[in-house]
Structures are given as structure tokens and as C-alpha cells.
Amino acid sequence: MGLDNEIRTALETAFDPTQLDVINESHKHAGHAGDDGSGESHWRIVISAPAFDDMSRLARHRAIHSALGPEIIGRLHALAIDIK
């Protein structure tokens, strides 16, 4: 299973999103800081879920990091989060 699928599965399980896009942006950062050569270092998540309705922006980001867990977070150099 690729990292994109691991991210998707973790977020679907935690939030049952109405929209979820997991976008690998590593190619935009090839040769720059944080590029570990894996092609899986820089990610963007676009997500919408009712679970976020009563959360502050900070709480939403913390919830996403918690849902991904240290195993996935530890493999990322950069994670952009767009919550709709």
C-alpha cells in the first residue's frame, strides 16, 4: 500500500469525509530540502467532513495529525491541509 492509500484510509476511518483528495506534491520539491528521494515527502490534503463543523482551525489540524498518527506523520516532510 502506498503512502497515499495509508493517508486516505486513516482519514476516511477517522472522519467519514464528504470530500477527500490526497495529493502527492513531492515532484514540485525534488532536490530541495526535505526531498528524501522517495517521491513521498510532500503532501496536500483537501478534506471536508461534518466532524470538523464545531472545531476551530487549530483543532481540525490537530485532529488530522492525530488520525494520521506518528507512523505516517513521521514519514512526511511537509503536509498542507485544506479544510473545506
PDB file of N, CA and C in Angstrom:
ATOM      1  N   MET A   1       0.858  -1.175   0.000  1.00  0.00           N
ATOM      2  CA  MET A   1       0.000   0.000   0.000  1.00  0.00           C
ATOM      3  C   MET A   1       0.900   1.233   0.000  1.00  0.00           C
ATOM      4  N   GLY A   2       0.641   2.162  -0.904  1.00  0.00           N
ATOM      5  CA  GLY A   2       1.399   3.399  -0.966  1.00  0.00           C
ATOM      6  C   GLY A   2       0.992   4.343   0.145  1.00  0.00           C
ATOM      7  N   LEU A   3       1.837   5.328   0.387  1.00  0.00           N
ATOM      8  CA  LEU A   3       1.565   6.288   1.444  1.00  0.00           C
ATOM      9  C   LEU A   3       0.259   7.033   1.201  1.00  0.00           C
ATOM     10  N   ASP A   4      -0.068   7.312  -0.057  1.00  0.00           N
ATOM     11  CA  ASP A   4      -1.337   7.984  -0.357  1.00  0.00           C
ATOM     12  C   ASP A   4      -2.520   7.167   0.128  1.00  0.00           C
ATOM     13  N   ASN A   5      -2.465   5.865  -0.049  1.00  0.00           N
ATOM     14  CA  ASN A   5      -3.552   4.995   0.414  1.00  0.00           C
ATOM     15  C   ASN A   5      -3.603   4.916   1.943  1.00  0.00           C
ATOM     16  N   GLU A   6      -2.441   4.935   2.574  1.00  0.00           N
ATOM     17  CA  GLU A   6      -2.405   4.917   4.039  1.00  0.00           C
ATOM     18  C   GLU A   6      -3.040   6.194   4.599  1.00  0.00           C
ATOM     19  N   ILE A   7      -2.699   7.338   4.002  1.00  0.00           N
ATOM     20  CA  ILE A   7      -3.275   8.610   4.429  1.00  0.00           C
ATOM     21  C   ILE A   7      -4.783   8.593   4.222  1.00  0.00           C
ATOM     22  N   ARG A   8      -5.205   8.182   3.031  1.00  0.00           N
ATOM     23  CA  ARG A   8      -6.634   8.137   2.690  1.00  0.00           C
ATOM     24  C   ARG A   8      -7.399   7.237   3.665  1.00  0.00           C
ATOM     25  N   THR A   9      -6.899   6.055   3.916  1.00  0.00           N
ATOM     26  CA  THR A   9      -7.573   5.101   4.804  1.00  0.00           C
ATOM     27  C   THR A   9      -7.702   5.665   6.216  1.00  0.00           C
ATOM     28  N   ALA A  10      -6.629   6.259   6.725  1.00  0.00           N
ATOM     29  CA  ALA A  10      -6.655   6.812   8.088  1.00  0.00           C
ATOM     30  C   ALA A  10      -7.692   7.927   8.203  1.00  0.00           C
ATOM     31  N   LEU A  11      -7.748   8.802   7.197  1.00  0.00           N
ATOM     32  CA  LEU A  11      -8.679   9.930   7.259  1.00  0.00           C
ATOM     33  C   LEU A  11     -10.121   9.500   7.020  1.00  0.00           C
ATOM     34  N   GLU A  12     -10.324   8.537   6.135  1.00  0.00           N
ATOM     35  CA  GLU A  12     -11.687   8.027   5.910  1.00  0.00           C
ATOM     36  C   GLU A  12     -12.216   7.357   7.166  1.00  0.00           C
ATOM     37  N   THR A  13     -11.370   6.598   7.824  1.00  0.00           N
ATOM     38  CA  THR A  13     -11.771   5.909   9.046  1.00  0.00           C
ATOM     39  C   THR A  13     -12.112   6.901  10.158  1.00  0.00           C
ATOM     40  N   ALA A  14     -11.310   7.936  10.294  1.00  0.00           N
ATOM     41  CA  ALA A  14     -11.489   8.892  11.390  1.00  0.00           C
ATOM     42  C   ALA A  14     -12.639   9.869  11.171  1.00  0.00           C
ATOM     43  N   PHE A  15     -12.865  10.287   9.908  1.00  0.00           N
ATOM     44  CA  PHE A  15     -13.765  11.416   9.682  1.00  0.00           C
ATOM     45  C   PHE A  15     -14.935  11.162   8.741  1.00  0.00           C
ATOM     46  N   ASP A  16     -14.965  10.050   8.033  1.00  0.00           N
ATOM     47  CA  ASP A  16     -16.017   9.785   7.047  1.00  0.00           C
ATOM     48  C   ASP A  16     -16.263  11.037   6.184  1.00  0.00           C
ATOM     49  N   PRO A  17     -15.222  11.507   5.484  1.00  0.00           N
ATOM     50  CA  PRO A  17     -15.322  12.777   4.761  1.00  0.00           C
ATOM     51  C   PRO A  17     -16.281  12.735   3.576  1.00  0.00           C
ATOM     52  N   THR A  18     -16.860  13.891   3.289  1.00  0.00           N
ATOM     53  CA  THR A  18     -17.692  14.049   2.093  1.00  0.00           C
ATOM     54  C   THR A  18     -16.820  14.384   0.887  1.00  0.00           C
ATOM     55  N   GLN A  19     -15.628  14.900   1.138  1.00  0.00           N
ATOM     56  CA  GLN A  19     -14.624  15.141   0.099  1.00  0.00           C
ATOM     57  C   GLN A  19     -13.272  14.804   0.687  1.00  0.00           C
ATOM     58  N   LEU A  20     -12.456  14.115  -0.088  1.00  0.00           N
ATOM     59  CA  LEU A  20     -11.093  13.823   0.342  1.00  0.00           C
ATOM     60  C   LEU A  20     -10.208  13.673  -0.881  1.00  0.00           C
ATOM     61  N   ASP A  21      -9.241  14.563  -0.993  1.00  0.00           N
ATOM     62  CA  ASP A  21      -8.222  14.465  -2.033  1.00  0.00           C
ATOM     63  C   ASP A  21      -6.877  14.384  -1.329  1.00  0.00           C
ATOM     64  N   VAL A  22      -6.097  13.379  -1.681  1.00  0.00           N
ATOM     65  CA  VAL A  22      -4.755  13.208  -1.141  1.00  0.00           C
ATOM     66  C   VAL A  22      -3.807  13.381  -2.320  1.00  0.00           C
ATOM     67  N   ILE A  23      -3.056  14.483  -2.299  1.00  0.00           N
ATOM     68  CA  ILE A  23      -2.271  14.884  -3.458  1.00  0.00           C
ATOM     69  C   ILE A  23      -0.779  14.842  -3.116  1.00  0.00           C
ATOM     70  N   ASN A  24      -0.045  14.076  -3.893  1.00  0.00           N
ATOM     71  CA  ASN A  24       1.401  13.996  -3.728  1.00  0.00           C
ATOM     72  C   ASN A  24       2.030  15.152  -4.497  1.00  0.00           C
ATOM     73  N   GLU A  25       2.638  16.085  -3.775  1.00  0.00           N
ATOM     74  CA  GLU A  25       3.283  17.249  -4.390  1.00  0.00           C
ATOM     75  C   GLU A  25       4.809  17.145  -4.339  1.00  0.00           C
ATOM     76  N   SER A  26       5.324  15.957  -4.099  1.00  0.00           N
ATOM     77  CA  SER A  26       6.763  15.764  -3.926  1.00  0.00           C
ATOM     78  C   SER A  26       7.550  16.166  -5.167  1.00  0.00           C
ATOM     79  N   HIS A  27       6.984  15.942  -6.335  1.00  0.00           N
ATOM     80  CA  HIS A  27       7.697  16.273  -7.575  1.00  0.00           C
ATOM     81  C   HIS A  27       8.013  17.761  -7.661  1.00  0.00           C
ATOM     82  N   LYS A  28       7.234  18.600  -7.003  1.00  0.00           N
ATOM     83  CA  LYS A  28       7.472  20.045  -7.008  1.00  0.00           C
ATOM     84  C   LYS A  28       8.675  20.430  -6.148  1.00  0.00           C
ATOM     85  N   HIS A  29       9.134  19.502  -5.315  1.00  0.00           N
ATOM     86  CA  HIS A  29      10.194  19.796  -4.359  1.00  0.00           C
ATOM     87  C   HIS A  29      11.430  18.929  -4.568  1.00  0.00           C
ATOM     88  N   ALA A  30      11.520  18.268  -5.700  1.00  0.00           N
ATOM     89  CA  ALA A  30      12.661  17.390  -5.992  1.00  0.00           C
ATOM     90  C   ALA A  30      13.959  18.179  -5.886  1.00  0.00           C
ATOM     91  N   GLY A  31      14.897  17.644  -5.139  1.00  0.00           N
ATOM     92  CA  GLY A  31      16.193  18.269  -4.978  1.00  0.00           C
ATOM     93  C   GLY A  31      16.246  19.367  -3.928  1.00  0.00           C
ATOM     94  N   HIS A  32      15.129  19.676  -3.307  1.00  0.00           N
ATOM     95  CA  HIS A  32      15.084  20.714  -2.281  1.00  0.00           C
ATOM     96  C   HIS A  32      15.083  20.095  -0.891  1.00  0.00           C
ATOM     97  N   ALA A  33      15.100  20.942   0.103  1.00  0.00           N
ATOM     98  CA  ALA A  33      15.099  20.485   1.488  1.00  0.00           C
ATOM     99  C   ALA A  33      13.914  19.563   1.749  1.00  0.00           C
ATOM    100  N   GLY A  34      14.172  18.471   2.416  1.00  0.00           N
ATOM    101  CA  GLY A  34      13.115  17.535   2.754  1.00  0.00           C
ATOM    102  C   GLY A  34      12.860  16.480   1.705  1.00  0.00           C
ATOM    103  N   ASP A  35      13.466  16.621   0.532  1.00  0.00           N
ATOM    104  CA  ASP A  35      13.304  15.602  -0.510  1.00  0.00           C
ATOM    105  C   ASP A  35      14.198  14.426  -0.159  1.00  0.00           C
ATOM    106  N   ASP A  36      13.588  13.339   0.260  1.00  0.00           N
ATOM    107  CA  ASP A  36      14.357  12.175   0.672  1.00  0.00           C
ATOM    108  C   ASP A  36      14.564  11.181  -0.463  1.00  0.00           C
ATOM    109  N   GLY A  37      14.103  11.549  -1.655  1.00  0.00           N
ATOM    110  CA  GLY A  37      14.264  10.675  -2.820  1.00  0.00           C
ATOM    111  C   GLY A  37      13.191   9.615  -2.948  1.00  0.00           C
ATOM    112  N   SER A  38      12.272   9.547  -1.987  1.00  0.00           N
ATOM    113  CA  SER A  38      11.223   8.526  -2.020  1.00  0.00           C
ATOM    114  C   SER A  38      10.086   8.899  -2.954  1.00  0.00           C
ATOM    115  N   GLY A  39       9.966  10.195  -3.261  1.00  0.00           N
ATOM    116  CA  GLY A  39       8.824  10.660  -4.044  1.00  0.00           C
ATOM    117  C   GLY A  39       7.555  10.741  -3.217  1.00  0.00           C
ATOM    118  N   GLU A  40       7.694  10.630  -1.899  1.00  0.00           N
ATOM    119  CA  GLU A  40       6.538  10.676  -0.999  1.00  0.00           C
ATOM    120  C   GLU A  40       6.834  11.532   0.227  1.00  0.00           C
ATOM    121  N   SER A  41       7.362  12.731   0.002  1.00  0.00           N
ATOM    122  CA  SER A  41       7.760  13.571   1.129  1.00  0.00           C
ATOM    123  C   SER A  41       6.852  14.777   1.349  1.00  0.00           C
ATOM    124  N   HIS A  42       6.193  15.256   0.300  1.00  0.00           N
ATOM    125  CA  HIS A  42       5.374  16.468   0.374  1.00  0.00           C
ATOM    126  C   HIS A  42       3.944  16.149  -0.066  1.00  0.00           C
ATOM    127  N   TRP A  43       2.988  16.441   0.808  1.00  0.00           N
ATOM    128  CA  TRP A  43       1.597  16.062   0.551  1.00  0.00           C
ATOM    129  C   TRP A  43       0.645  17.219   0.801  1.00  0.00           C
ATOM    130  N   ARG A  44      -0.470  17.193   0.105  1.00  0.00           N
ATOM    131  CA  ARG A  44      -1.570  18.137   0.330  1.00  0.00           C
ATOM    132  C   ARG A  44      -2.834  17.309   0.529  1.00  0.00           C
ATOM    133  N   ILE A  45      -3.591  17.656   1.549  1.00  0.00           N
ATOM    134  CA  ILE A  45      -4.876  17.019   1.823  1.00  0.00           C
ATOM    135  C   ILE A  45      -5.960  18.080   1.659  1.00  0.00           C
ATOM    136  N   VAL A  46      -6.966  17.763   0.880  1.00  0.00           N
ATOM    137  CA  VAL A  46      -8.163  18.592   0.772  1.00  0.00           C
ATOM    138  C   VAL A  46      -9.288  17.740   1.338  1.00  0.00           C
ATOM    139  N   ILE A  47      -9.925  18.228   2.393  1.00  0.00           N
ATOM    140  CA  ILE A  47     -10.900  17.395   3.091  1.00  0.00           C
ATOM    141  C   ILE A  47     -12.093  18.231   3.558  1.00  0.00           C
ATOM    142  N   SER A  48     -13.247  17.614   3.527  1.00  0.00           N
ATOM    143  CA  SER A  48     -14.464  18.195   4.077  1.00  0.00           C
ATOM    144  C   SER A  48     -15.198  17.083   4.813  1.00  0.00           C
ATOM    145  N   ALA A  49     -15.615  17.371   6.031  1.00  0.00           N
ATOM    146  CA  ALA A  49     -16.323  16.373   6.825  1.00  0.00           C
ATOM    147  C   ALA A  49     -17.149  17.072   7.902  1.00  0.00           C
ATOM    148  N   PRO A  50     -18.343  16.569   8.160  1.00  0.00           N
ATOM    149  CA  PRO A  50     -19.161  17.146   9.235  1.00  0.00           C
ATOM    150  C   PRO A  50     -18.455  17.127  10.589  1.00  0.00           C
ATOM    151  N   ALA A  51     -17.549  16.203  10.793  1.00  0.00           N
ATOM    152  CA  ALA A  51     -16.829  16.106  12.065  1.00  0.00           C
ATOM    153  C   ALA A  51     -16.071  17.383  12.404  1.00  0.00           C
ATOM    154  N   PHE A  52     -15.745  18.185  11.393  1.00  0.00           N
ATOM    155  CA  PHE A  52     -14.983  19.408  11.613  1.00  0.00           C
ATOM    156  C   PHE A  52     -15.855  20.630  11.927  1.00  0.00           C
ATOM    157  N   ASP A  53     -17.156  20.486  11.810  1.00  0.00           N
ATOM    158  CA  ASP A  53     -18.061  21.633  11.897  1.00  0.00           C
ATOM    159  C   ASP A  53     -17.895  22.470  13.163  1.00  0.00           C
ATOM    160  N   ASP A  54     -17.730  21.845  14.294  1.00  0.00           N
ATOM    161  CA  ASP A  54     -17.663  22.585  15.558  1.00  0.00           C
ATOM    162  C   ASP A  54     -16.238  22.746  16.080  1.00  0.00           C
ATOM    163  N   MET A  55     -15.257  22.515  15.221  1.00  0.00           N
ATOM    164  CA  MET A  55     -13.856  22.615  15.637  1.00  0.00           C
ATOM    165  C   MET A  55     -13.232  23.909  15.132  1.00  0.00           C
ATOM    166  N   SER A  56     -12.313  24.437  15.922  1.00  0.00           N
ATOM    167  CA  SER A  56     -11.514  25.571  15.465  1.00  0.00           C
ATOM    168  C   SER A  56     -10.528  25.072  14.408  1.00  0.00           C
ATOM    169  N   ARG A  57      -9.911  26.006  13.720  1.00  0.00           N
ATOM    170  CA  ARG A  57      -8.927  25.645  12.697  1.00  0.00           C
ATOM    171  C   ARG A  57      -7.803  24.809  13.311  1.00  0.00           C
ATOM    172  N   LEU A  58      -7.311  25.236  14.457  1.00  0.00           N
ATOM    173  CA  LEU A  58      -6.237  24.513  15.125  1.00  0.00           C
ATOM    174  C   LEU A  58      -6.682  23.113  15.541  1.00  0.00           C
ATOM    175  N   ALA A  59      -7.875  22.988  16.067  1.00  0.00           N
ATOM    176  CA  ALA A  59      -8.395  21.679  16.475  1.00  0.00           C
ATOM    177  C   ALA A  59      -8.541  20.744  15.277  1.00  0.00           C
ATOM    178  N   ARG A  60      -8.944  21.284  14.143  1.00  0.00           N
ATOM    179  CA  ARG A  60      -9.061  20.468  12.922  1.00  0.00           C
ATOM    180  C   ARG A  60      -7.708  19.912  12.513  1.00  0.00           C
ATOM    181  N   HIS A  61      -6.700  20.768  12.508  1.00  0.00           N
ATOM    182  CA  HIS A  61      -5.359  20.326  12.121  1.00  0.00           C
ATOM    183  C   HIS A  61      -4.820  19.294  13.111  1.00  0.00           C
ATOM    184  N   ARG A  62      -5.054  19.532  14.389  1.00  0.00           N
ATOM    185  CA  ARG A  62      -4.611  18.561  15.394  1.00  0.00           C
ATOM    186  C   ARG A  62      -5.324  17.222  15.217  1.00  0.00           C
ATOM    187  N   ALA A  63      -6.617  17.262  14.894  1.00  0.00           N
ATOM    188  CA  ALA A  63      -7.383  16.031  14.689  1.00  0.00           C
ATOM    189  C   ALA A  63      -6.842  15.250  13.496  1.00  0.00           C
ATOM    190  N   ILE A  64      -6.487  15.954  12.448  1.00  0.00           N
ATOM    191  CA  ILE A  64      -5.925  15.276  11.269  1.00  0.00           C
ATOM    192  C   ILE A  64      -4.582  14.645  11.614  1.00  0.00           C
ATOM    193  N   HIS A  65      -3.720  15.385  12.296  1.00  0.00           N
ATOM    194  CA  HIS A  65      -2.427  14.828  12.695  1.00  0.00           C
ATOM    195  C   HIS A  65      -2.620  13.611  13.597  1.00  0.00           C
ATOM    196  N   SER A  66      -3.560  13.690  14.510  1.00  0.00           N
ATOM    197  CA  SER A  66      -3.837  12.573  15.406  1.00  0.00           C
ATOM    198  C   SER A  66      -4.345  11.358  14.632  1.00  0.00           C
ATOM    199  N   ALA A  67      -5.233  11.592  13.671  1.00  0.00           N
ATOM    200  CA  ALA A  67      -5.781  10.491  12.871  1.00  0.00           C
ATOM    201  C   ALA A  67      -4.693   9.823  12.040  1.00  0.00           C
ATOM    202  N   LEU A  68      -3.754  10.600  11.540  1.00  0.00           N
ATOM    203  CA  LEU A  68      -2.669  10.025  10.748  1.00  0.00           C
ATOM    204  C   LEU A  68      -1.691   9.257  11.625  1.00  0.00           C
ATOM    205  N   GLY A  69      -1.507   9.728  12.841  1.00  0.00           N
ATOM    206  CA  GLY A  69      -0.649   9.035  13.790  1.00  0.00           C
ATOM    207  C   GLY A  69       0.826   9.250  13.511  1.00  0.00           C
ATOM    208  N   PRO A  70       1.649   8.945  14.499  1.00  0.00           N
ATOM    209  CA  PRO A  70       3.085   9.198  14.383  1.00  0.00           C
ATOM    210  C   PRO A  70       3.771   8.387  13.289  1.00  0.00           C
ATOM    211  N   GLU A  71       3.239   7.228  12.960  1.00  0.00           N
ATOM    212  CA  GLU A  71       3.858   6.382  11.937  1.00  0.00           C
ATOM    213  C   GLU A  71       3.800   7.060  10.575  1.00  0.00           C
ATOM    214  N   ILE A  72       2.655   7.638  10.242  1.00  0.00           N
ATOM    215  CA  ILE A  72       2.521   8.328   8.954  1.00  0.00           C
ATOM    216  C   ILE A  72       3.171   9.708   9.032  1.00  0.00           C
ATOM    217  N   ILE A  73       2.876  10.476  10.060  1.00  0.00           N
ATOM    218  CA  ILE A  73       3.419  11.826  10.198  1.00  0.00           C
ATOM    219  C   ILE A  73       4.943  11.797  10.156  1.00  0.00           C
ATOM    220  N   GLY A  74       5.545  10.796  10.752  1.00  0.00           N
ATOM    221  CA  GLY A  74       6.997  10.683  10.780  1.00  0.00           C
ATOM    222  C   GLY A  74       7.625  10.465   9.418  1.00  0.00           C
ATOM    223  N   ARG A  75       6.830  10.070   8.448  1.00  0.00           N
ATOM    224  CA  ARG A  75       7.336   9.829   7.096  1.00  0.00           C
ATOM    225  C   ARG A  75       7.121  11.024   6.167  1.00  0.00           C
ATOM    226  N   LEU A  76       6.518  12.099   6.669  1.00  0.00           N
ATOM    227  CA  LEU A  76       6.238  13.274   5.854  1.00  0.00           C
ATOM    228  C   LEU A  76       7.224  14.386   6.171  1.00  0.00           C
ATOM    229  N   HIS A  77       7.650  15.103   5.156  1.00  0.00           N
ATOM    230  CA  HIS A  77       8.438  16.310   5.394  1.00  0.00           C
ATOM    231  C   HIS A  77       7.509  17.515   5.470  1.00  0.00           C
ATOM    232  N   ALA A  78       6.485  17.520   4.602  1.00  0.00           N
ATOM    233  CA  ALA A  78       5.545  18.652   4.571  1.00  0.00           C
ATOM    234  C   ALA A  78       4.147  18.128   4.332  1.00  0.00           C
ATOM    235  N   LEU A  79       3.186  18.746   5.042  1.00  0.00           N
ATOM    236  CA  LEU A  79       1.772  18.401   4.888  1.00  0.00           C
ATOM    237  C   LEU A  79       0.962  19.679   4.864  1.00  0.00           C
ATOM    238  N   ALA A  80       0.377  19.961   3.711  1.00  0.00           N
ATOM    239  CA  ALA A  80      -0.534  21.098   3.580  1.00  0.00           C
ATOM    240  C   ALA A  80      -1.953  20.574   3.761  1.00  0.00           C
ATOM    241  N   ILE A  81      -2.743  21.279   4.552  1.00  0.00           N
ATOM    242  CA  ILE A  81      -4.099  20.827   4.851  1.00  0.00           C
ATOM    243  C   ILE A  81      -5.088  21.927   4.456  1.00  0.00           C
ATOM    244  N   ASP A  82      -5.990  21.579   3.556  1.00  0.00           N
ATOM    245  CA  ASP A  82      -7.067  22.479   3.146  1.00  0.00           C
ATOM    246  C   ASP A  82      -8.382  21.866   3.613  1.00  0.00           C
ATOM    247  N   ILE A  83      -9.026  22.507   4.581  1.00  0.00           N
ATOM    248  CA  ILE A  83     -10.283  22.001   5.107  1.00  0.00           C
ATOM    249  C   ILE A  83     -11.411  22.847   4.559  1.00  0.00           C
ATOM    250  N   LYS A  84     -12.324  22.204   3.889  1.00  0.00           N
ATOM    251  CA  LYS A  84     -13.437  22.909   3.241  1.00  0.00           C
ATOM    252  C   LYS A  84     -14.632  22.951   4.152  1.00  0.00           C
TER     253      LYS A  84
END
